[in-house]
PDB file of N, CA and C in Angstrom:
ATOM      1  N   MET A   1      -3.653 -14.420 -12.405  1.00  0.00           N
ATOM      2  CA  MET A   1      -4.314 -13.723 -11.124  1.00  0.00           C
ATOM      3  C   MET A   1      -3.336 -13.187 -10.369  1.00  0.00           C
ATOM      4  N   SER A   2      -2.162 -13.632 -10.235  1.00  0.00           N
ATOM      5  CA  SER A   2      -1.102 -13.337  -9.312  1.00  0.00           C
ATOM      6  C   SER A   2      -0.641 -11.748  -9.753  1.00  0.00           C
ATOM      7  N   GLY A   3      -0.720 -11.629 -11.109  1.00  0.00           N
ATOM      8  CA  GLY A   3      -0.285  -9.996 -11.405  1.00  0.00           C
ATOM      9  C   GLY A   3      -1.286  -9.095 -11.323  1.00  0.00           C
ATOM     10  N   ILE A   4      -2.360  -9.683 -11.328  1.00  0.00           N
ATOM     11  CA  ILE A   4      -3.349  -8.793 -11.006  1.00  0.00           C
ATOM     12  C   ILE A   4      -3.560  -8.253  -9.768  1.00  0.00           C
ATOM     13  N   ASP A   5      -3.236  -9.092  -8.861  1.00  0.00           N
ATOM     14  CA  ASP A   5      -3.101  -8.967  -7.438  1.00  0.00           C
ATOM     15  C   ASP A   5      -2.144  -8.120  -7.010  1.00  0.00           C
ATOM     16  N   LYS A   6      -0.715  -8.425  -7.951  1.00  0.00           N
ATOM     17  CA  LYS A   6       0.323  -7.536  -7.501  1.00  0.00           C
ATOM     18  C   LYS A   6       0.118  -5.951  -7.980  1.00  0.00           C
ATOM     19  N   MET A   7      -0.646  -5.916  -9.218  1.00  0.00           N
ATOM     20  CA  MET A   7      -0.982  -4.418  -9.391  1.00  0.00           C
ATOM     21  C   MET A   7      -1.895  -3.850  -8.123  1.00  0.00           C
ATOM     22  N   LYS A   8      -2.934  -4.479  -7.821  1.00  0.00           N
ATOM     23  CA  LYS A   8      -3.664  -3.970  -6.852  1.00  0.00           C
ATOM     24  C   LYS A   8      -3.000  -3.466  -5.699  1.00  0.00           C
ATOM     25  N   ASN A   9      -1.955  -4.531  -5.153  1.00  0.00           N
ATOM     26  CA  ASN A   9      -1.555  -4.016  -3.909  1.00  0.00           C
ATOM     27  C   ASN A   9      -0.547  -2.815  -4.142  1.00  0.00           C
ATOM     28  N   LYS A  10       0.143  -2.779  -5.472  1.00  0.00           N
ATOM     29  CA  LYS A  10       0.926  -1.596  -5.782  1.00  0.00           C
ATOM     30  C   LYS A  10       0.156  -0.376  -5.573  1.00  0.00           C
ATOM     31  N   ALA A  11      -1.280  -0.301  -6.218  1.00  0.00           N
ATOM     32  CA  ALA A  11      -1.846   0.440  -6.483  1.00  0.00           C
ATOM     33  C   ALA A  11      -2.285   0.869  -4.919  1.00  0.00           C
ATOM     34  N   GLU A  12      -2.538   0.063  -4.115  1.00  0.00           N
ATOM     35  CA  GLU A  12      -3.053   0.535  -2.759  1.00  0.00           C
ATOM     36  C   GLU A  12      -1.763   1.245  -1.933  1.00  0.00           C
ATOM     37  N   GLU A  13      -0.727   0.794  -2.054  1.00  0.00           N
ATOM     38  CA  GLU A  13       0.636   1.424  -1.592  1.00  0.00           C
ATOM     39  C   GLU A  13       0.581   2.856  -2.035  1.00  0.00           C
ATOM     40  N   LEU A  14       0.547   3.093  -3.440  1.00  0.00           N
ATOM     41  CA  LEU A  14       0.749   4.310  -4.028  1.00  0.00           C
ATOM     42  C   LEU A  14      -0.481   5.256  -3.467  1.00  0.00           C
ATOM     43  N   ALA A  15      -1.522   4.681  -3.457  1.00  0.00           N
ATOM     44  CA  ALA A  15      -2.688   5.562  -2.916  1.00  0.00           C
ATOM     45  C   ALA A  15      -2.422   6.218  -1.366  1.00  0.00           C
ATOM     46  N   GLY A  16      -1.868   5.061  -0.665  1.00  0.00           N
ATOM     47  CA  GLY A  16      -1.589   5.325   0.744  1.00  0.00           C
ATOM     48  C   GLY A  16      -0.356   6.416   0.655  1.00  0.00           C
ATOM     49  N   GLN A  17       0.642   6.387  -0.322  1.00  0.00           N
ATOM     50  CA  GLN A  17       1.623   7.433  -0.440  1.00  0.00           C
ATOM     51  C   GLN A  17       1.000   9.183  -0.566  1.00  0.00           C
ATOM     52  N   GLY A  18       0.135   8.919  -1.457  1.00  0.00           N
ATOM     53  CA  GLY A  18      -0.818  10.257  -1.923  1.00  0.00           C
ATOM     54  C   GLY A  18      -1.614  10.591  -0.702  1.00  0.00           C
ATOM     55  N   LYS A  19      -2.189   9.835   0.144  1.00  0.00           N
ATOM     56  CA  LYS A  19      -3.027  10.088   1.089  1.00  0.00           C
ATOM     57  C   LYS A  19      -1.816  10.682   2.296  1.00  0.00           C
ATOM     58  N   GLN A  20      -0.615  10.005   2.547  1.00  0.00           N
ATOM     59  CA  GLN A  20       0.212  10.442   3.485  1.00  0.00           C
ATOM     60  C   GLN A  20       0.561  11.982   3.148  1.00  0.00           C
ATOM     61  N   ALA A  21       0.973  12.098   1.874  1.00  0.00           N
ATOM     62  CA  ALA A  21       1.380  13.520   1.324  1.00  0.00           C
ATOM     63  C   ALA A  21       0.205  14.495   1.363  1.00  0.00           C
ATOM     64  N   ALA A  22      -0.838  14.092   1.389  1.00  0.00           N
ATOM     65  CA  ALA A  22      -1.987  15.028   1.276  1.00  0.00           C
ATOM     66  C   ALA A  22      -2.275  15.161   2.884  1.00  0.00           C
ATOM     67  N   GLY A  23      -2.112  14.577   3.763  1.00  0.00           N
ATOM     68  CA  GLY A  23      -2.302  14.779   5.096  1.00  0.00           C
ATOM     69  C   GLY A  23      -1.150  15.633   5.612  1.00  0.00           C
ATOM     70  N   LYS A  24       0.183  15.205   5.208  1.00  0.00           N
ATOM     71  CA  LYS A  24       1.117  16.134   5.713  1.00  0.00           C
ATOM     72  C   LYS A  24       1.156  17.698   5.059  1.00  0.00           C
ATOM     73  N   ALA A  25       0.768  17.666   3.788  1.00  0.00           N
ATOM     74  CA  ALA A  25       0.506  18.887   3.234  1.00  0.00           C
ATOM     75  C   ALA A  25      -0.752  19.857   3.912  1.00  0.00           C
ATOM     76  N   THR A  26      -1.727  19.173   4.399  1.00  0.00           N
ATOM     77  CA  THR A  26      -2.662  19.958   4.941  1.00  0.00           C
ATOM     78  C   THR A  26      -2.826  19.923   6.535  1.00  0.00           C
ATOM     79  N   ASN A  27      -1.788  19.457   7.195  1.00  0.00           N
ATOM     80  CA  ASN A  27      -1.657  19.280   8.526  1.00  0.00           C
ATOM     81  C   ASN A  27      -2.641  18.338   9.273  1.00  0.00           C
ATOM     82  N   ASP A  28      -3.202  17.210   8.222  1.00  0.00           N
ATOM     83  CA  ASP A  28      -4.503  16.154   8.839  1.00  0.00           C
ATOM     84  C   ASP A  28      -3.592  15.031   9.138  1.00  0.00           C
ATOM     85  N   ARG A  29      -3.177  14.822  10.545  1.00  0.00           N
ATOM     86  CA  ARG A  29      -2.724  13.769  11.227  1.00  0.00           C
ATOM     87  C   ARG A  29      -3.436  12.368  10.811  1.00  0.00           C
ATOM     88  N   ASP A  30      -4.948  12.508  10.771  1.00  0.00           N
ATOM     89  CA  ASP A  30      -5.572  11.294  10.416  1.00  0.00           C
ATOM     90  C   ASP A  30      -5.467  10.740   9.202  1.00  0.00           C
ATOM     91  N   LEU A  31      -5.544  11.664   8.290  1.00  0.00           N
ATOM     92  CA  LEU A  31      -5.414  11.294   6.675  1.00  0.00           C
ATOM     93  C   LEU A  31      -3.795  10.863   6.695  1.00  0.00           C
ATOM     94  N   GLN A  32      -3.139  11.422   7.353  1.00  0.00           N
ATOM     95  CA  GLN A  32      -1.422  11.027   7.097  1.00  0.00           C
ATOM     96  C   GLN A  32      -1.180   9.547   7.783  1.00  0.00           C
ATOM     97  N   ALA A  33      -2.213   9.315   8.937  1.00  0.00           N
ATOM     98  CA  ALA A  33      -2.148   7.917   9.433  1.00  0.00           C
ATOM     99  C   ALA A  33      -2.802   6.905   8.721  1.00  0.00           C
ATOM    100  N   GLU A  34      -3.795   7.354   8.019  1.00  0.00           N
ATOM    101  CA  GLU A  34      -4.413   6.474   6.990  1.00  0.00           C
ATOM    102  C   GLU A  34      -3.984   6.131   5.817  1.00  0.00           C
ATOM    103  N   GLY A  35      -2.927   7.198   5.252  1.00  0.00           N
ATOM    104  CA  GLY A  35      -2.075   6.710   4.428  1.00  0.00           C
ATOM    105  C   GLY A  35      -0.937   5.867   4.689  1.00  0.00           C
ATOM    106  N   GLN A  36      -0.334   5.944   5.950  1.00  0.00           N
ATOM    107  CA  GLN A  36       0.609   5.114   6.378  1.00  0.00           C
ATOM    108  C   GLN A  36       0.301   3.706   6.491  1.00  0.00           C
ATOM    109  N   ALA A  37      -1.164   3.518   6.896  1.00  0.00           N
ATOM    110  CA  ALA A  37      -1.814   2.277   6.927  1.00  0.00           C
ATOM    111  C   ALA A  37      -1.909   1.393   5.515  1.00  0.00           C
ATOM    112  N   ASP A  38      -2.378   2.275   4.871  1.00  0.00           N
ATOM    113  CA  ASP A  38      -2.599   1.909   3.595  1.00  0.00           C
ATOM    114  C   ASP A  38      -1.214   1.290   2.853  1.00  0.00           C
ATOM    115  N   GLN A  39      -0.298   2.060   2.995  1.00  0.00           N
ATOM    116  CA  GLN A  39       1.089   1.948   2.658  1.00  0.00           C
ATOM    117  C   GLN A  39       1.729   0.407   3.085  1.00  0.00           C
ATOM    118  N   ALA A  40       1.426   0.509   4.467  1.00  0.00           N
ATOM    119  CA  ALA A  40       1.946  -0.950   5.300  1.00  0.00           C
ATOM    120  C   ALA A  40       1.030  -1.928   4.703  1.00  0.00           C
ATOM    121  N   SER A  41      -0.436  -1.863   4.585  1.00  0.00           N
ATOM    122  CA  SER A  41      -1.177  -3.057   4.071  1.00  0.00           C
ATOM    123  C   SER A  41      -0.744  -3.664   2.655  1.00  0.00           C
ATOM    124  N   GLY A  42      -0.587  -2.712   1.822  1.00  0.00           N
ATOM    125  CA  GLY A  42       0.050  -2.815   0.494  1.00  0.00           C
ATOM    126  C   GLY A  42       1.212  -3.506   0.177  1.00  0.00           C
ATOM    127  N   ASN A  43       2.137  -3.099   1.178  1.00  0.00           N
ATOM    128  CA  ASN A  43       3.542  -3.840   1.299  1.00  0.00           C
ATOM    129  C   ASN A  43       3.417  -5.250   1.832  1.00  0.00           C
ATOM    130  N   LEU A  44       2.351  -5.150   2.859  1.00  0.00           N
ATOM    131  CA  LEU A  44       2.289  -6.736   3.465  1.00  0.00           C
ATOM    132  C   LEU A  44       1.820  -7.584   2.572  1.00  0.00           C
ATOM    133  N   LYS A  45       0.889  -7.260   1.718  1.00  0.00           N
ATOM    134  CA  LYS A  45       0.346  -7.905   0.447  1.00  0.00           C
ATOM    135  C   LYS A  45       1.213  -8.338  -0.554  1.00  0.00           C
ATOM    136  N   GLN A  46       1.905  -7.171  -0.816  1.00  0.00           N
ATOM    137  CA  GLN A  46       3.089  -7.787  -1.763  1.00  0.00           C
ATOM    138  C   GLN A  46       3.906  -8.810  -1.346  1.00  0.00           C
ATOM    139  N   ALA A  47       4.510  -8.643   0.074  1.00  0.00           N
ATOM    140  CA  ALA A  47       5.394  -9.676   0.640  1.00  0.00           C
ATOM    141  C   ALA A  47       4.589 -10.983   0.329  1.00  0.00           C
ATOM    142  N   GLY A  48       3.384 -11.202   0.774  1.00  0.00           N
ATOM    143  CA  GLY A  48       2.835 -12.370   0.762  1.00  0.00           C
ATOM    144  C   GLY A  48       2.628 -12.887  -0.745  1.00  0.00           C
ATOM    145  N   GLU A  49       2.404 -12.112  -1.643  1.00  0.00           N
ATOM    146  CA  GLU A  49       2.702 -12.620  -3.272  1.00  0.00           C
ATOM    147  C   GLU A  49       4.037 -12.908  -3.415  1.00  0.00           C
ATOM    148  N   LYS A  50       5.103 -12.412  -2.810  1.00  0.00           N
ATOM    149  CA  LYS A  50       6.456 -12.725  -3.022  1.00  0.00           C
ATOM    150  C   LYS A  50       6.702 -14.246  -2.478  1.00  0.00           C
ATOM    151  N   VAL A  51       6.148 -14.254  -1.273  1.00  0.00           N
ATOM    152  CA  VAL A  51       6.224 -15.848  -0.861  1.00  0.00           C
ATOM    153  C   VAL A  51       5.552 -16.782  -1.633  1.00  0.00           C
ATOM    154  N   LYS A  52       4.476 -16.535  -2.209  1.00  0.00           N
ATOM    155  CA  LYS A  52       3.596 -17.424  -3.020  1.00  0.00           C
ATOM    156  C   LYS A  52       4.464 -17.622  -4.193  1.00  0.00           C
ATOM    157  N   ASP A  53       4.978 -16.751  -4.770  1.00  0.00           N
ATOM    158  CA  ASP A  53       5.631 -16.894  -5.913  1.00  0.00           C
ATOM    159  C   ASP A  53       7.098 -17.829  -5.737  1.00  0.00           C
ATOM    160  N   VAL A  54       7.764 -17.785  -4.602  1.00  0.00           N
ATOM    161  CA  VAL A  54       8.629 -18.641  -4.238  1.00  0.00           C
ATOM    162  C   VAL A  54       8.354 -20.085  -3.971  1.00  0.00           C
ATOM    163  N   PHE A  55       7.071 -20.498  -3.772  1.00  0.00           N
ATOM    164  CA  PHE A  55       6.731 -21.749  -3.554  1.00  0.00           C
ATOM    165  C   PHE A  55       6.055 -22.316  -4.710  1.00  0.00           C
ATOM    166  N   LYS A  56       6.006 -21.587  -5.829  1.00  0.00           N
ATOM    167  CA  LYS A  56       5.210 -21.900  -7.067  1.00  0.00           C
ATOM    168  C   LYS A  56       6.244 -22.908  -7.932  1.00  0.00           C
TER     169      LYS A  56
END
């Protein structure tokens, strides 16, 4: 289960990077901000998974 969660979190982070790049390329600040938020969310979830792994 944890491996699947890690993949989903990484996918969310990568999607955020894509949105951010697309927003930057099109001068769409809203899309860029949404991408940054997705990246932050993915990173936070990954950190939570790492903490869970430490206590296993």
